[in-house]
Amino acid sequence: PQNISEPVPRINGPPRCANGGTFCENFDDYPYRHLKDELQKQEVDKGFFGEDQVPIEPNTRIDDEGAFLCSGTERVIFPKVGKNKNNEWRFIVNQGWEDGYVQGVQVETCKRKGPCNIIGELPQGYTSVCQQKYVYRRLLSLKEDGTFAVDSFQLPSSCCCAYKKDFVPIEPNTRIDDEGTFLCSGTGRVIFPKVGKNKNNEWKFIVNHGWEDGYVQGVQLETCTRRVAPRIHLGLSAEVRLQETAVPKDCTFVVDSFQLPSPCCWAYKDFVGFLRPHFL
């Protein structure tokens, strides 16, 4: 581990541990001691740290309701290095459970980037490919001068099927253009939820006071035009204990996990015979 008296090391370009991705869970020069000292010095509240939860029933890839066209692996990662919205690599606060400062993020990565598992054949002149999609997540990180900052990091969100004309490459997250088209139409935007359903299917208030007060939690999501499977992310909520008259008696803060829409992917289902994607 790095000596606390040493300066914070610089990350020059994509590290080897990323292996072509956007994050590393292990990094040899991770400034553990510097972070530990600064976290204790600034008395950062451990209650605002934690990990996302991978849902068991939602996002099932193969079940009685249908099968997704691309296989993905869902897991919770604890990135120590990541690529931010400006394509800069930064250290992310993830000290481990012993210290209590952890930021676990649910991701889904493609198992392979080959053709989609489409029943039947595509129209002549078209090919399919399983494409990795990404989302930006806000995480507490370390700036080059050694101070803390909340930054947005690009992390894998879902593995979806796209089709394209032969011999034309697909760019990440491209929805409809000459390079490729995802099979499902979705709308990407940032929301500021004030009420949400948590992992226990309970509805809770979420802290989102607005930019004037400065207490906002904006979450990037994508919704299907027809149907969407939920993802679960951490958010700061207000747990309200009610009297019999339903008037709030006590309000305490807690970090909870909320179900939010994830990227929209196409699935097929055996209904009458079988379904095939339709191309115009």
C-alpha atoms as a PDB file:
ATOM      1  CA  PRO A   1       0.000   0.000   0.000  1.00  0.00           C
ATOM      2  CA  GLN A   2       1.059   3.578  -0.624  1.00  0.00           C
ATOM      3  CA  ASN A   3       2.784   5.500   2.161  1.00  0.00           C
ATOM      4  CA  ILE A   4       0.569   8.288   3.494  1.00  0.00           C
ATOM      5  CA  SER A   5       3.319  10.872   3.055  1.00  0.00           C
ATOM      6  CA  GLU A   6       3.634  10.149  -0.664  1.00  0.00           C
ATOM      7  CA  PRO A   7       1.597  12.137  -3.203  1.00  0.00           C
ATOM      8  CA  VAL A   8      -1.430  10.548  -4.805  1.00  0.00           C
ATOM      9  CA  PRO A   9      -0.208   8.606  -7.866  1.00  0.00           C
ATOM     10  CA  ARG A  10      -1.400   9.666 -11.314  1.00  0.00           C
ATOM     11  CA  ILE A  11      -3.231   7.312 -13.628  1.00  0.00           C
ATOM     12  CA  ASN A  12      -1.871   7.875 -17.110  1.00  0.00           C
ATOM     13  CA  GLY A  13      -4.406   6.484 -19.534  1.00  0.00           C
ATOM     14  CA  PRO A  14      -6.355   3.219 -19.322  1.00  0.00           C
ATOM     15  CA  PRO A  15      -4.687   0.852 -16.816  1.00  0.00           C
ATOM     16  CA  ARG A  16      -3.935  -2.752 -17.759  1.00  0.00           C
ATOM     17  CA  CYS A  17      -6.291  -4.055 -15.112  1.00  0.00           C
ATOM     18  CA  ALA A  18      -9.249  -2.549 -17.005  1.00  0.00           C
ATOM     19  CA  ASN A  19      -8.614  -5.022 -19.835  1.00  0.00           C
ATOM     20  CA  GLY A  20     -10.371  -2.779 -22.331  1.00  0.00           C
ATOM     21  CA  GLY A  21     -13.203  -1.959 -19.918  1.00  0.00           C
ATOM     22  CA  THR A  22     -14.059   1.132 -17.900  1.00  0.00           C
ATOM     23  CA  PHE A  23     -13.048   0.151 -14.347  1.00  0.00           C
ATOM     24  CA  CYS A  24     -10.689  -1.901 -12.137  1.00  0.00           C
ATOM     25  CA  GLU A  25     -11.571  -3.604  -8.881  1.00  0.00           C
ATOM     26  CA  ASN A  26      -7.898  -4.008  -7.995  1.00  0.00           C
ATOM     27  CA  PHE A  27      -5.092  -1.526  -8.565  1.00  0.00           C
ATOM     28  CA  ASP A  28      -1.515  -1.931  -7.287  1.00  0.00           C
ATOM     29  CA  ASP A  29      -0.980   1.763  -6.519  1.00  0.00           C
ATOM     30  CA  TYR A  30      -4.383   2.376  -4.944  1.00  0.00           C
ATOM     31  CA  PRO A  31      -3.825   5.129  -2.296  1.00  0.00           C
ATOM     32  CA  TYR A  32      -5.465   3.237   0.552  1.00  0.00           C
ATOM     33  CA  ARG A  33      -3.630   4.982   3.389  1.00  0.00           C
ATOM     34  CA  HIS A  34      -4.178   8.472   1.979  1.00  0.00           C
ATOM     35  CA  LEU A  35      -7.895   7.768   1.591  1.00  0.00           C
ATOM     36  CA  LYS A  36      -8.199   6.277   5.061  1.00  0.00           C
ATOM     37  CA  ASP A  37      -6.536   9.308   6.634  1.00  0.00           C
ATOM     38  CA  GLU A  38      -8.669  11.795   4.677  1.00  0.00           C
ATOM     39  CA  LEU A  39     -11.923   9.916   5.363  1.00  0.00           C
ATOM     40  CA  GLN A  40     -11.213   9.938   9.102  1.00  0.00           C
ATOM     41  CA  LYS A  41     -10.029  13.552   9.071  1.00  0.00           C
ATOM     42  CA  GLN A  42     -13.182  14.774   7.326  1.00  0.00           C
ATOM     43  CA  GLU A  43     -15.426  12.443   9.340  1.00  0.00           C
ATOM     44  CA  VAL A  44     -17.227  11.145   6.260  1.00  0.00           C
ATOM     45  CA  ASP A  45     -20.446   9.390   7.342  1.00  0.00           C
ATOM     46  CA  LYS A  46     -20.202   5.632   6.671  1.00  0.00           C
ATOM     47  CA  GLY A  47     -23.983   5.459   6.603  1.00  0.00           C
ATOM     48  CA  PHE A  48     -24.002   6.867   3.063  1.00  0.00           C
ATOM     49  CA  PHE A  49     -21.948   3.962   1.726  1.00  0.00           C
ATOM     50  CA  GLY A  50     -23.103   0.466   0.775  1.00  0.00           C
ATOM     51  CA  GLU A  51     -23.804  -1.747  -2.209  1.00  0.00           C
ATOM     52  CA  ASP A  52     -26.511  -2.244  -4.803  1.00  0.00           C
ATOM     53  CA  GLN A  53     -28.541  -5.430  -4.669  1.00  0.00           C
ATOM     54  CA  VAL A  54     -28.996  -7.757  -7.611  1.00  0.00           C
ATOM     55  CA  PRO A  55     -32.707  -8.623  -7.917  1.00  0.00           C
ATOM     56  CA  ILE A  56     -33.560 -12.307  -8.043  1.00  0.00           C
ATOM     57  CA  GLU A  57     -36.840 -12.346  -9.960  1.00  0.00           C
ATOM     58  CA  PRO A  58     -36.595  -9.238 -12.193  1.00  0.00           C
ATOM     59  CA  ASN A  59     -34.187  -9.356 -15.156  1.00  0.00           C
ATOM     60  CA  THR A  60     -34.328 -13.162 -15.319  1.00  0.00           C
ATOM     61  CA  ARG A  61     -32.868 -13.992 -18.680  1.00  0.00           C
ATOM     62  CA  ILE A  62     -34.452 -17.403 -19.257  1.00  0.00           C
ATOM     63  CA  ASP A  63     -37.767 -18.308 -17.650  1.00  0.00           C
ATOM     64  CA  ASP A  64     -41.396 -19.112 -18.462  1.00  0.00           C
ATOM     65  CA  GLU A  65     -42.009 -15.530 -19.548  1.00  0.00           C
ATOM     66  CA  GLY A  66     -39.350 -15.421 -22.223  1.00  0.00           C
ATOM     67  CA  ALA A  67     -35.655 -15.382 -23.016  1.00  0.00           C
ATOM     68  CA  PHE A  68     -33.415 -12.428 -23.751  1.00  0.00           C
ATOM     69  CA  LEU A  69     -31.444 -12.555 -26.963  1.00  0.00           C
ATOM     70  CA  CYS A  70     -28.072 -11.884 -25.325  1.00  0.00           C
ATOM     71  CA  SER A  71     -26.541 -13.531 -22.263  1.00  0.00           C
ATOM     72  CA  GLY A  72     -25.267 -11.222 -19.563  1.00  0.00           C
ATOM     73  CA  THR A  73     -23.631 -11.669 -16.171  1.00  0.00           C
ATOM     74  CA  GLU A  74     -25.060  -9.607 -13.313  1.00  0.00           C
ATOM     75  CA  ARG A  75     -22.913  -8.884 -10.287  1.00  0.00           C
ATOM     76  CA  VAL A  76     -21.991  -6.172  -7.820  1.00  0.00           C
ATOM     77  CA  ILE A  77     -18.565  -4.613  -8.351  1.00  0.00           C
ATOM     78  CA  PHE A  78     -16.442  -2.457  -6.039  1.00  0.00           C
ATOM     79  CA  PRO A  79     -14.372  -0.348  -8.446  1.00  0.00           C
ATOM     80  CA  LYS A  80     -11.201   1.295  -7.163  1.00  0.00           C
ATOM     81  CA  VAL A  81     -10.364   2.940 -10.485  1.00  0.00           C
ATOM     82  CA  GLY A  82     -12.807   4.095 -13.151  1.00  0.00           C
ATOM     83  CA  LYS A  83     -13.241   6.186 -16.296  1.00  0.00           C
ATOM     84  CA  ASN A  84     -15.338   9.290 -15.698  1.00  0.00           C
ATOM     85  CA  LYS A  85     -17.610  11.283 -18.013  1.00  0.00           C
ATOM     86  CA  ASN A  86     -14.578  13.191 -19.338  1.00  0.00           C
ATOM     87  CA  ASN A  87     -12.718   9.969 -20.218  1.00  0.00           C
ATOM     88  CA  GLU A  88     -10.331  10.594 -17.322  1.00  0.00           C
ATOM     89  CA  TRP A  89      -9.274   7.773 -15.011  1.00  0.00           C
ATOM     90  CA  ARG A  90      -9.789   8.490 -11.320  1.00  0.00           C
ATOM     91  CA  PHE A  91      -9.480   6.655  -7.998  1.00  0.00           C
ATOM     92  CA  ILE A  92     -12.841   5.671  -6.475  1.00  0.00           C
ATOM     93  CA  VAL A  93     -13.390   5.363  -2.730  1.00  0.00           C
ATOM     94  CA  ASN A  94     -13.677   1.630  -1.988  1.00  0.00           C
ATOM     95  CA  GLN A  95     -11.725   0.870   1.174  1.00  0.00           C
ATOM     96  CA  GLY A  96     -13.392  -2.448   1.978  1.00  0.00           C
ATOM     97  CA  TRP A  97     -15.954  -3.637   4.514  1.00  0.00           C
ATOM     98  CA  GLU A  98     -13.445  -3.547   7.371  1.00  0.00           C
ATOM     99  CA  ASP A  99     -13.189   0.247   7.077  1.00  0.00           C
ATOM    100  CA  GLY A 100     -16.851   0.582   6.092  1.00  0.00           C
ATOM    101  CA  TYR A 101     -16.297   2.847   3.090  1.00  0.00           C
ATOM    102  CA  VAL A 102     -17.575   0.787   0.162  1.00  0.00           C
ATOM    103  CA  GLN A 103     -19.463   1.669  -3.023  1.00  0.00           C
ATOM    104  CA  GLY A 104     -20.859  -1.482  -4.591  1.00  0.00           C
ATOM    105  CA  VAL A 105     -22.474  -0.991  -7.994  1.00  0.00           C
ATOM    106  CA  GLN A 106     -24.658  -3.477  -9.827  1.00  0.00           C
ATOM    107  CA  VAL A 107     -23.504  -4.080 -13.403  1.00  0.00           C
ATOM    108  CA  GLU A 108     -24.291  -6.450 -16.224  1.00  0.00           C
ATOM    109  CA  THR A 109     -21.645  -7.464 -18.747  1.00  0.00           C
ATOM    110  CA  CYS A 110     -22.008  -9.396 -21.970  1.00  0.00           C
ATOM    111  CA  LYS A 111     -20.813 -12.982 -21.725  1.00  0.00           C
ATOM    112  CA  ARG A 112     -19.807 -12.777 -25.363  1.00  0.00           C
ATOM    113  CA  LYS A 113     -20.040 -10.276 -28.223  1.00  0.00           C
ATOM    114  CA  GLY A 114     -21.113 -12.709 -30.894  1.00  0.00           C
ATOM    115  CA  PRO A 115     -24.446 -13.001 -32.729  1.00  0.00           C
ATOM    116  CA  CYS A 116     -27.695 -12.704 -30.803  1.00  0.00           C
ATOM    117  CA  ASN A 117     -29.685 -15.846 -29.976  1.00  0.00           C
ATOM    118  CA  ILE A 118     -32.368 -15.070 -32.553  1.00  0.00           C
ATOM    119  CA  ILE A 119     -34.748 -17.832 -33.608  1.00  0.00           C
ATOM    120  CA  GLY A 120     -34.751 -18.176 -37.370  1.00  0.00           C
ATOM    121  CA  GLU A 121     -32.797 -16.103 -39.855  1.00  0.00           C
ATOM    122  CA  LEU A 122     -32.306 -12.376 -40.280  1.00  0.00           C
ATOM    123  CA  PRO A 123     -33.238 -10.656 -43.528  1.00  0.00           C
ATOM    124  CA  GLN A 124     -30.571 -10.816 -46.201  1.00  0.00           C
ATOM    125  CA  GLY A 125     -27.842  -8.229 -45.750  1.00  0.00           C
ATOM    126  CA  TYR A 126     -28.246  -7.936 -41.955  1.00  0.00           C
ATOM    127  CA  THR A 127     -26.317  -9.408 -39.043  1.00  0.00           C
ATOM    128  CA  SER A 128     -26.913  -9.281 -35.291  1.00  0.00           C
ATOM    129  CA  VAL A 129     -24.494  -8.717 -32.413  1.00  0.00           C
ATOM    130  CA  CYS A 130     -24.695  -8.654 -28.623  1.00  0.00           C
ATOM    131  CA  GLN A 131     -23.666  -5.132 -27.645  1.00  0.00           C
ATOM    132  CA  GLN A 132     -22.567  -3.816 -24.256  1.00  0.00           C
ATOM    133  CA  LYS A 133     -24.514  -0.811 -22.979  1.00  0.00           C
ATOM    134  CA  TYR A 134     -23.300   1.644 -20.343  1.00  0.00           C
ATOM    135  CA  VAL A 135     -24.694   4.046 -17.782  1.00  0.00           C
ATOM    136  CA  TYR A 136     -23.095   6.822 -15.716  1.00  0.00           C
ATOM    137  CA  ARG A 137     -23.091   6.382 -11.925  1.00  0.00           C
ATOM    138  CA  ARG A 138     -22.134   9.076  -9.420  1.00  0.00           C
ATOM    139  CA  LEU A 139     -19.464   7.861  -6.988  1.00  0.00           C
ATOM    140  CA  LEU A 140     -17.216   9.481  -4.389  1.00  0.00           C
ATOM    141  CA  SER A 141     -13.753   9.701  -5.922  1.00  0.00           C
ATOM    142  CA  LEU A 142     -10.355  11.286  -5.506  1.00  0.00           C
ATOM    143  CA  LYS A 143      -9.145  14.242  -7.557  1.00  0.00           C
ATOM    144  CA  GLU A 144      -5.539  14.588  -8.677  1.00  0.00           C
ATOM    145  CA  ASP A 145      -4.816  16.986  -5.809  1.00  0.00           C
ATOM    146  CA  GLY A 146      -5.894  14.344  -3.282  1.00  0.00           C
ATOM    147  CA  THR A 147      -9.260  15.880  -2.339  1.00  0.00           C
ATOM    148  CA  PHE A 148     -12.666  14.224  -2.597  1.00  0.00           C
ATOM    149  CA  ALA A 149     -15.215  14.839  -5.348  1.00  0.00           C
ATOM    150  CA  VAL A 150     -18.410  13.170  -6.520  1.00  0.00           C
ATOM    151  CA  ASP A 151     -17.912  12.230 -10.165  1.00  0.00           C
ATOM    152  CA  SER A 152     -19.850  10.306 -12.838  1.00  0.00           C
ATOM    153  CA  PHE A 153     -18.286   7.041 -14.000  1.00  0.00           C
ATOM    154  CA  GLN A 154     -19.114   4.955 -17.066  1.00  0.00           C
ATOM    155  CA  LEU A 155     -20.105   1.436 -15.998  1.00  0.00           C
ATOM    156  CA  PRO A 156     -21.654  -1.561 -17.828  1.00  0.00           C
ATOM    157  CA  SER A 157     -25.439  -1.614 -17.485  1.00  0.00           C
ATOM    158  CA  SER A 158     -26.872  -4.274 -19.784  1.00  0.00           C
ATOM    159  CA  CYS A 159     -26.179  -6.586 -22.715  1.00  0.00           C
ATOM    160  CA  CYS A 160     -28.629  -6.015 -25.578  1.00  0.00           C
ATOM    161  CA  CYS A 161     -29.108  -7.227 -29.108  1.00  0.00           C
ATOM    162  CA  ALA A 162     -28.531  -4.936 -32.063  1.00  0.00           C
ATOM    163  CA  TYR A 163     -28.697  -5.525 -35.790  1.00  0.00           C
ATOM    164  CA  LYS A 164     -26.705  -3.879 -38.524  1.00  0.00           C
ATOM    165  CA  LYS A 165     -25.993  -4.001 -42.217  1.00  0.00           C
ATOM    166  CA  ASP A 166     -23.150  -6.331 -43.097  1.00  0.00           C
ATOM    167  CA  PHE A 167     -19.570  -5.063 -42.633  1.00  0.00           C
ATOM    168  CA  VAL A 168     -20.584  -1.938 -40.679  1.00  0.00           C
ATOM    169  CA  PRO A 169     -19.349  -1.745 -37.017  1.00  0.00           C
ATOM    170  CA  ILE A 170     -21.612  -0.821 -34.111  1.00  0.00           C
ATOM    171  CA  GLU A 171     -20.675   1.885 -31.611  1.00  0.00           C
ATOM    172  CA  PRO A 172     -21.628   1.493 -27.917  1.00  0.00           C
ATOM    173  CA  ASN A 173     -25.173   2.590 -27.021  1.00  0.00           C
ATOM    174  CA  THR A 174     -26.039   3.445 -30.662  1.00  0.00           C
ATOM    175  CA  ARG A 175     -29.801   3.138 -31.034  1.00  0.00           C
ATOM    176  CA  ILE A 176     -30.801   4.054 -34.573  1.00  0.00           C
ATOM    177  CA  ASP A 177     -28.317   5.135 -37.209  1.00  0.00           C
ATOM    178  CA  ASP A 178     -26.345   3.816 -40.149  1.00  0.00           C
ATOM    179  CA  GLU A 179     -24.020   1.852 -37.867  1.00  0.00           C
ATOM    180  CA  GLY A 180     -26.544  -0.225 -35.991  1.00  0.00           C
ATOM    181  CA  THR A 181     -29.954  -0.348 -34.355  1.00  0.00           C
ATOM    182  CA  PHE A 182     -30.964  -1.849 -31.020  1.00  0.00           C
ATOM    183  CA  LEU A 183     -34.051  -4.026 -31.296  1.00  0.00           C
ATOM    184  CA  CYS A 184     -35.943  -2.158 -28.578  1.00  0.00           C
ATOM    185  CA  SER A 185     -36.669   1.542 -28.391  1.00  0.00           C
ATOM    186  CA  GLY A 186     -35.904   3.187 -25.065  1.00  0.00           C
ATOM    187  CA  THR A 187     -35.781   6.722 -23.683  1.00  0.00           C
ATOM    188  CA  GLY A 188     -32.722   7.727 -21.689  1.00  0.00           C
ATOM    189  CA  ARG A 189     -32.957  10.567 -19.162  1.00  0.00           C
ATOM    190  CA  VAL A 190     -32.002  11.655 -15.643  1.00  0.00           C
ATOM    191  CA  ILE A 191     -34.749  11.574 -13.025  1.00  0.00           C
ATOM    192  CA  PHE A 192     -34.959  13.076  -9.537  1.00  0.00           C
ATOM    193  CA  PRO A 193     -37.340  10.739  -7.671  1.00  0.00           C
ATOM    194  CA  LYS A 194     -39.010  11.931  -4.476  1.00  0.00           C
ATOM    195  CA  VAL A 195     -40.848   8.672  -3.756  1.00  0.00           C
ATOM    196  CA  GLY A 196     -39.749   5.170  -4.739  1.00  0.00           C
ATOM    197  CA  LYS A 197     -40.322   1.454  -4.175  1.00  0.00           C
ATOM    198  CA  ASN A 198     -37.459  -0.213  -2.343  1.00  0.00           C
ATOM    199  CA  LYS A 199     -36.140  -3.794  -2.398  1.00  0.00           C
ATOM    200  CA  ASN A 200     -38.854  -4.853   0.072  1.00  0.00           C
ATOM    201  CA  ASN A 201     -41.615  -3.408  -2.156  1.00  0.00           C
ATOM    202  CA  GLU A 202     -42.135  -0.626   0.383  1.00  0.00           C
ATOM    203  CA  TRP A 203     -42.657   2.954  -0.788  1.00  0.00           C
ATOM    204  CA  LYS A 204     -40.304   5.478   0.814  1.00  0.00           C
ATOM    205  CA  PHE A 205     -39.565   9.175   0.518  1.00  0.00           C
ATOM    206  CA  ILE A 206     -36.293   9.938  -1.284  1.00  0.00           C
ATOM    207  CA  VAL A 207     -34.225  13.030  -0.531  1.00  0.00           C
ATOM    208  CA  ASN A 208     -34.523  15.339  -3.555  1.00  0.00           C
ATOM    209  CA  HIS A 209     -34.992  18.929  -2.410  1.00  0.00           C
ATOM    210  CA  GLY A 210     -33.925  20.607  -5.630  1.00  0.00           C
ATOM    211  CA  TRP A 211     -30.908  22.518  -6.833  1.00  0.00           C
ATOM    212  CA  GLU A 212     -31.711  25.566  -4.715  1.00  0.00           C
ATOM    213  CA  ASP A 213     -31.131  23.585  -1.518  1.00  0.00           C
ATOM    214  CA  GLY A 214     -28.386  21.503  -3.103  1.00  0.00           C
ATOM    215  CA  TYR A 215     -29.713  18.127  -1.936  1.00  0.00           C
ATOM    216  CA  VAL A 216     -30.410  16.292  -5.187  1.00  0.00           C
ATOM    217  CA  GLN A 217     -29.984  12.686  -6.322  1.00  0.00           C
ATOM    218  CA  GLY A 218     -30.242  12.472 -10.087  1.00  0.00           C
ATOM    219  CA  VAL A 219     -30.271   8.951 -11.507  1.00  0.00           C
ATOM    220  CA  GLN A 220     -29.682   8.073 -15.152  1.00  0.00           C
ATOM    221  CA  LEU A 221     -32.126   5.496 -16.487  1.00  0.00           C
ATOM    222  CA  GLU A 222     -33.712   4.194 -19.652  1.00  0.00           C
ATOM    223  CA  THR A 223     -37.344   3.210 -20.019  1.00  0.00           C
ATOM    224  CA  CYS A 224     -38.922   0.960 -22.642  1.00  0.00           C
ATOM    225  CA  THR A 225     -41.786   2.320 -24.698  1.00  0.00           C
ATOM    226  CA  ARG A 226     -43.807  -0.733 -23.611  1.00  0.00           C
ATOM    227  CA  ARG A 227     -42.253  -2.741 -20.796  1.00  0.00           C
ATOM    228  CA  VAL A 228     -39.186  -2.497 -18.570  1.00  0.00           C
ATOM    229  CA  ALA A 229     -37.506  -4.733 -16.013  1.00  0.00           C
ATOM    230  CA  PRO A 230     -36.406  -2.957 -12.829  1.00  0.00           C
ATOM    231  CA  ARG A 231     -32.862  -2.437 -11.601  1.00  0.00           C
ATOM    232  CA  ILE A 232     -32.042  -1.767  -7.969  1.00  0.00           C
ATOM    233  CA  HIS A 233     -29.786   1.135  -6.985  1.00  0.00           C
ATOM    234  CA  LEU A 234     -28.853   2.747  -3.705  1.00  0.00           C
ATOM    235  CA  GLY A 235     -30.404   6.067  -2.799  1.00  0.00           C
ATOM    236  CA  LEU A 236     -30.704   8.243   0.287  1.00  0.00           C
ATOM    237  CA  SER A 237     -34.242   8.004   1.630  1.00  0.00           C
ATOM    238  CA  ALA A 238     -36.231   9.244   4.592  1.00  0.00           C
ATOM    239  CA  GLU A 239     -37.769   6.446   6.634  1.00  0.00           C
ATOM    240  CA  VAL A 240     -40.967   7.816   8.177  1.00  0.00           C
ATOM    241  CA  ARG A 241     -42.554   6.209  11.252  1.00  0.00           C
ATOM    242  CA  LEU A 242     -46.254   6.972  11.388  1.00  0.00           C
ATOM    243  CA  GLN A 243     -48.685   7.315  14.305  1.00  0.00           C
ATOM    244  CA  GLU A 244     -52.160   5.846  14.080  1.00  0.00           C
ATOM    245  CA  THR A 245     -53.331   9.152  12.684  1.00  0.00           C
ATOM    246  CA  ALA A 246     -50.789   8.805   9.834  1.00  0.00           C
ATOM    247  CA  VAL A 247     -48.961  11.957  10.878  1.00  0.00           C
ATOM    248  CA  PRO A 248     -45.152  11.664  10.712  1.00  0.00           C
ATOM    249  CA  LYS A 249     -43.754  11.258  14.207  1.00  0.00           C
ATOM    250  CA  ASP A 250     -40.082  10.664  13.542  1.00  0.00           C
ATOM    251  CA  CYS A 251     -37.989  10.976  10.395  1.00  0.00           C
ATOM    252  CA  THR A 252     -34.512   9.461  10.173  1.00  0.00           C
ATOM    253  CA  PHE A 253     -32.198   9.108   7.181  1.00  0.00           C
ATOM    254  CA  VAL A 254     -31.118   5.751   5.798  1.00  0.00           C
ATOM    255  CA  VAL A 255     -29.512   4.542   2.573  1.00  0.00           C
ATOM    256  CA  ASP A 256     -31.947   2.153   0.894  1.00  0.00           C
ATOM    257  CA  SER A 257     -32.127   0.232  -2.386  1.00  0.00           C
ATOM    258  CA  PHE A 258     -34.745   1.304  -4.926  1.00  0.00           C
ATOM    259  CA  GLN A 259     -36.069  -0.364  -8.055  1.00  0.00           C
ATOM    260  CA  LEU A 260     -35.402   1.803 -11.108  1.00  0.00           C
ATOM    261  CA  PRO A 261     -35.725   1.119 -14.845  1.00  0.00           C
ATOM    262  CA  SER A 262     -32.704  -0.306 -16.613  1.00  0.00           C
ATOM    263  CA  PRO A 263     -31.830  -0.364 -20.328  1.00  0.00           C
ATOM    264  CA  CYS A 264     -34.484  -1.783 -22.599  1.00  0.00           C
ATOM    265  CA  CYS A 265     -33.613  -5.124 -24.230  1.00  0.00           C
ATOM    266  CA  TRP A 266     -35.569  -7.397 -26.549  1.00  0.00           C
ATOM    267  CA  ALA A 267     -36.804 -10.863 -25.502  1.00  0.00           C
ATOM    268  CA  TYR A 268     -38.724 -13.580 -27.307  1.00  0.00           C
ATOM    269  CA  LYS A 269     -41.398 -15.909 -25.973  1.00  0.00           C
ATOM    270  CA  ASP A 270     -42.876 -19.181 -27.168  1.00  0.00           C
ATOM    271  CA  PHE A 271     -46.515 -18.196 -27.603  1.00  0.00           C
ATOM    272  CA  VAL A 272     -47.930 -19.693 -30.777  1.00  0.00           C
ATOM    273  CA  GLY A 273     -45.086 -21.438 -32.491  1.00  0.00           C
ATOM    274  CA  PHE A 274     -42.296 -18.903 -31.991  1.00  0.00           C
ATOM    275  CA  LEU A 275     -41.651 -15.219 -32.391  1.00  0.00           C
ATOM    276  CA  ARG A 276     -39.151 -13.575 -34.701  1.00  0.00           C
ATOM    277  CA  PRO A 277     -37.997  -9.951 -34.800  1.00  0.00           C
ATOM    278  CA  HIS A 278     -39.578  -7.966 -37.594  1.00  0.00           C
ATOM    279  CA  PHE A 279     -37.466  -5.636 -39.695  1.00  0.00           C
ATOM    280  CA  LEU A 280     -38.873  -2.894 -41.867  1.00  0.00           C
END
